[in-house]
Protein backbone atom coordinates (compact mmCIF):
# COMPACT_ATOMS: atom_id res chain seq x y z
CA GLY A 1 250.67 -73.26 25.05
CA VAL A 2 253.91 -75.19 24.61
CA HIS A 3 252.04 -78.28 23.46
CA MET A 4 249.99 -76.24 20.98
CA ALA A 5 253.11 -74.62 19.54
CA VAL A 6 254.95 -77.94 19.27
CA ASN A 7 251.96 -79.56 17.57
CA GLU A 8 251.81 -76.72 15.03
CA ILE A 9 255.56 -76.89 14.37
CA ASN A 10 255.49 -80.67 14.01
CA ALA A 11 252.44 -80.50 11.71
CA ALA A 12 254.47 -78.19 9.46
CA GLY A 13 257.37 -80.66 9.32
CA GLY A 14 259.26 -79.83 12.52
CA VAL A 15 262.53 -77.94 12.64
CA ASN A 16 264.91 -78.81 9.82
CA GLY A 17 262.84 -81.95 9.27
CA ARG A 18 263.07 -83.07 12.91
CA LEU A 19 259.95 -83.32 15.05
CA LEU A 20 259.95 -81.67 18.45
CA GLU A 21 259.17 -83.51 21.67
CA VAL A 22 258.07 -82.01 24.98
CA ILE A 23 259.39 -83.57 28.17
CA GLU A 24 257.56 -82.28 31.25
CA ILE A 25 258.72 -82.33 34.85
CA ASN A 26 256.73 -80.74 37.68
CA ASN A 27 259.13 -79.10 40.12
CA GLU A 28 256.28 -78.52 42.59
CA PHE A 29 257.70 -75.02 43.22
CA SER A 30 260.62 -76.63 45.05
CA PRO A 31 264.10 -75.19 44.35
CA GLN A 32 265.67 -78.61 44.98
CA LYS A 33 263.25 -80.39 42.61
CA GLY A 34 263.67 -77.60 40.06
CA LEU A 35 267.43 -78.02 40.09
CA GLN A 36 267.13 -81.81 39.84
CA ALA A 37 264.70 -81.42 36.94
CA TYR A 38 267.07 -79.10 35.06
CA GLN A 39 270.01 -81.44 35.65
CA ARG A 40 267.99 -84.43 34.42
CA LEU A 41 266.68 -82.61 31.35
CA ALA A 42 270.04 -81.07 30.44
CA GLY A 43 272.15 -84.11 31.32
CA GLN A 44 270.25 -87.37 30.95
CA GLU A 45 267.51 -86.32 28.54
CA GLY A 46 269.80 -84.21 26.34
CA VAL A 47 267.23 -81.48 25.68
CA VAL A 48 268.18 -78.44 23.61
CA ALA A 49 266.44 -75.98 25.98
CA VAL A 50 264.48 -75.87 29.22
CA LEU A 51 261.35 -73.71 29.20
CA GLY A 52 259.43 -72.63 32.26
CA VAL A 53 260.71 -72.40 35.84
CA PRO A 54 258.44 -69.61 37.05
CA ASP A 55 259.71 -69.56 40.62
CA GLY A 56 262.68 -69.48 42.98
CA SER A 57 264.00 -72.72 41.46
CA VAL A 58 265.70 -70.52 38.90
CA PHE A 59 268.48 -69.42 41.28
CA PRO A 60 270.09 -72.84 41.88
CA ILE A 61 269.64 -73.61 38.17
CA MET A 62 271.53 -70.42 37.27
CA GLU A 63 274.62 -71.92 38.91
CA GLN A 64 274.41 -74.95 36.58
CA LEU A 65 273.98 -73.12 33.26
CA SER A 66 277.65 -72.89 32.31
CA ARG A 67 278.19 -76.56 33.26
CA TYR A 68 275.38 -77.96 31.10
CA GLN A 69 275.26 -75.19 28.46
CA VAL A 70 271.54 -75.83 27.92
CA PRO A 71 269.54 -72.60 27.67
CA LEU A 72 266.99 -71.84 30.37
CA ILE A 73 264.07 -69.80 29.07
CA THR A 74 262.15 -68.73 32.15
CA THR A 75 258.52 -67.74 31.74
CA GLY A 76 257.78 -66.32 35.14
CA ALA A 77 260.87 -65.47 37.17
CA GLY A 78 260.85 -61.69 37.32
CA ALA A 79 263.44 -60.94 40.00
CA ASP A 80 265.73 -58.09 38.95
CA LYS A 81 268.52 -60.04 40.68
CA LEU A 82 268.59 -62.38 37.66
CA SER A 83 269.39 -59.52 35.29
CA GLU A 84 271.97 -58.23 37.75
CA MET A 85 273.66 -61.66 37.77
CA VAL A 86 273.80 -61.71 33.96
CA GLY A 87 275.14 -58.14 33.90
CA GLU A 88 277.86 -58.92 36.42
CA ASN A 89 278.98 -62.15 34.73
CA PRO A 90 277.58 -62.47 31.19
CA ASP A 91 279.83 -65.40 30.23
CA ARG A 92 278.73 -67.48 33.20
CA TYR A 93 275.02 -66.79 32.70
CA ARG A 94 274.84 -66.52 28.91
CA TYR A 95 272.40 -69.44 28.70
CA PHE A 96 269.74 -67.56 30.70
CA PHE A 97 266.78 -65.98 28.92
CA ARG A 98 263.64 -64.36 30.30
CA VAL A 99 260.36 -63.81 28.45
CA MET A 100 258.66 -61.58 30.98
CA HIS A 101 259.22 -58.20 32.53
CA LYS A 102 261.58 -57.66 35.42
CA SER A 103 259.97 -56.98 38.79
CA SER A 104 261.07 -53.34 38.72
CA GLU A 105 259.33 -52.86 35.36
CA LEU A 106 256.14 -54.40 36.75
CA GLY A 107 256.44 -52.21 39.84
CA ASN A 108 256.91 -49.04 37.79
CA ALA A 109 253.99 -49.85 35.47
CA THR A 110 251.59 -50.61 38.32
CA ALA A 111 252.76 -47.58 40.32
CA ASP A 112 252.09 -45.44 37.25
CA PHE A 113 248.59 -46.98 37.04
CA ALA A 114 248.00 -46.24 40.72
CA LEU A 115 248.99 -42.60 40.35
CA ASN A 116 247.65 -41.73 36.91
CA CYS A 117 244.44 -43.73 37.02
CA LEU A 118 243.44 -44.47 40.59
CA VAL A 119 244.60 -41.25 42.28
CA THR A 120 244.10 -38.77 39.43
CA GLU A 121 240.99 -40.13 37.74
CA HIS A 122 239.20 -41.95 40.57
CA ASP A 123 240.31 -40.04 43.68
CA MET A 124 241.58 -43.19 45.38
CA THR A 125 244.38 -42.00 47.62
CA ARG A 126 244.69 -44.54 50.43
CA PHE A 127 246.57 -47.71 49.47
CA ALA A 128 247.12 -51.06 51.14
CA ILE A 129 249.98 -53.18 49.87
CA MET A 130 250.16 -56.94 50.29
CA VAL A 131 252.85 -59.02 48.60
CA GLU A 132 254.07 -62.59 48.81
CA ASP A 133 257.41 -62.99 50.60
CA ASP A 134 259.64 -63.69 47.61
CA ILE A 135 262.65 -62.00 46.06
CA TRP A 136 260.77 -60.78 42.97
CA THR A 137 257.98 -59.11 44.98
CA LYS A 138 260.35 -57.05 47.13
CA TYR A 139 261.28 -54.89 44.14
CA ILE A 140 257.61 -54.26 43.37
CA ARG A 141 256.68 -53.49 46.98
CA ASP A 142 259.60 -51.06 47.38
CA ILE A 143 258.66 -49.20 44.19
CA TRP A 144 255.00 -48.95 45.23
CA GLU A 145 255.87 -47.69 48.72
CA THR A 146 258.41 -45.14 47.47
CA THR A 147 256.26 -43.88 44.60
CA LEU A 148 253.09 -43.55 46.67
CA ASP A 149 254.87 -42.02 49.67
CA GLU A 150 256.38 -39.33 47.43
CA ALA A 151 253.17 -38.57 45.51
CA PRO A 152 251.13 -35.61 46.73
CA GLY A 153 247.79 -36.79 48.05
CA ALA A 154 248.61 -40.52 47.97
CA GLU A 155 249.31 -42.51 51.10
CA VAL A 156 250.23 -46.09 51.98
CA VAL A 157 248.00 -46.84 54.96
CA TYR A 158 248.92 -50.51 55.34
CA SER A 159 251.67 -52.74 53.99
CA THR A 160 252.41 -56.39 54.67
CA THR A 161 254.31 -59.36 53.33
CA PHE A 162 252.79 -62.83 53.62
CA SER A 163 254.19 -66.34 53.32
CA PRO A 164 253.60 -68.25 50.07
CA GLN A 165 251.99 -70.93 52.26
CA THR A 166 249.35 -68.50 53.57
CA ARG A 167 245.86 -69.87 52.98
CA ASP A 168 243.81 -67.74 55.35
CA PHE A 169 243.97 -64.04 54.54
CA SER A 170 241.19 -62.97 56.92
CA VAL A 171 243.54 -61.26 59.41
CA ILE A 172 245.27 -59.31 56.63
CA PHE A 173 241.95 -58.32 55.05
CA GLN A 174 240.61 -57.16 58.41
CA LYS A 175 243.68 -54.95 58.88
CA ILE A 176 243.13 -53.54 55.40
CA ILE A 177 239.48 -52.83 56.22
CA ASP A 178 240.55 -51.14 59.48
CA SER A 179 243.07 -49.01 57.56
CA LYS A 180 240.25 -47.63 55.38
CA ALA A 181 242.30 -48.24 52.24
CA ASP A 182 240.67 -47.29 48.93
CA TYR A 183 242.63 -49.86 46.95
CA ILE A 184 244.79 -52.94 47.51
CA LEU A 185 247.99 -53.37 45.52
């Protein structure tokens, strides 16, 4: 998507007559490599903005924003903690931008779907919850558990958190089957 947009902008003459260039670095979902990538792009490469960083790499980068003063536009980091950091210290984190919903917004929207569609319209009342062990998923899981536990007729029958390195989900799926869940969130 970035390459398509840059090609379209450049085909139309660029920005103020200057063509855009994309410099890509794969952080391999490593916070250390993500931080090194941001520092290289902001320092050595002299970019005007860094786009991406859809993972936990965003937290160490946040601590470098005021030093480099190069905006970070994250496309996938939904942790509410990021908004809390900006709210607590807007001057320090003023170069942070997010183009996706916060985790709590995602949790509220999907909880609403579970209650107003699955429970009310489809009589699915027994829920299993499985989330990756990451800061952004904790907000979602907590909202789902609270909302479903408080809803008349709805019940969380199984809930688990799994490692991002998990490749074999057979044990978790067997526990979900044994719980007789109607739906997996």
